């Protein structure tokens, strides 16, 4: 069992995993997830690197904030955590919502980054239709709590085949989602609604960038992940996964991350 630690910074209590030693990799989970999303990735990577895995506001064991907040605020939470831990350089990899936080961090604090990546995430903002969908989910949570949202969301996180065959993993992801606070889920939905287009961050970055897409992702299509090509971007398509490569195929994603951090050229398949 990976140990959680906690630190209170300003008005936010941040829970995080801190394992291993060496150059630092930070892994950020997605919406209604937690650091537990990465539990099949951390043991291998922590043999050669220091792995920091924070829980976002209102997720996992981190505190929820009632006041409205933004993706940028969540990036600042991470910067404050790195300051607290006296870490000055990281490779930052974010899954889904965590990717939005990663892009905001890359925009605000590029001096911290030796590289960064999006795992099943996108630099595009919400469409008007997606914004309305977020609002519908906020209303659903307000009226009925978190359970109906998680019940409808979790099957879409897996590829159709994996959703049928990975019963244990589906149960774990469901349990993680149900442990998300109502305040945290609503706050994150509002923050995602309001996030800007950050393709310019991908285009302007001068450090290595990893873009990982799931061929069977039902939430973020491949072309939305692979939105920018530049000398600094590496695009990797995971064939047999949906939106949860770290759970559906952790061995492959571990190898992708390790090769990226070690500076190896990755194939586009």
Foldseek 3Di string as FASTA:
>chain_A
DFDWDWDDDDHKIKIKGWAAADAEAEEEEAFLAALVLQVLQPVVVRPHHIYIYIGFAQADPMHHDQDADALLVRLVVVVVVCVVVVQQAYEYEYAASGVLNVLSNCVVPVRRYLEYEYQLYFLAADDPVVLVVLVVVLVCCVVPNQLVVLVVPLCLQKFVVCSVVVVVLSVVSSVSSNSRHSSRNNSSSVNRNPRHRRVVSVVPDDHAYEFEAECRARPRHPCRRPVDDDPRYAAAYDDRIYRRCCRSPVVVVSVVVVCVVVPHHDDHD
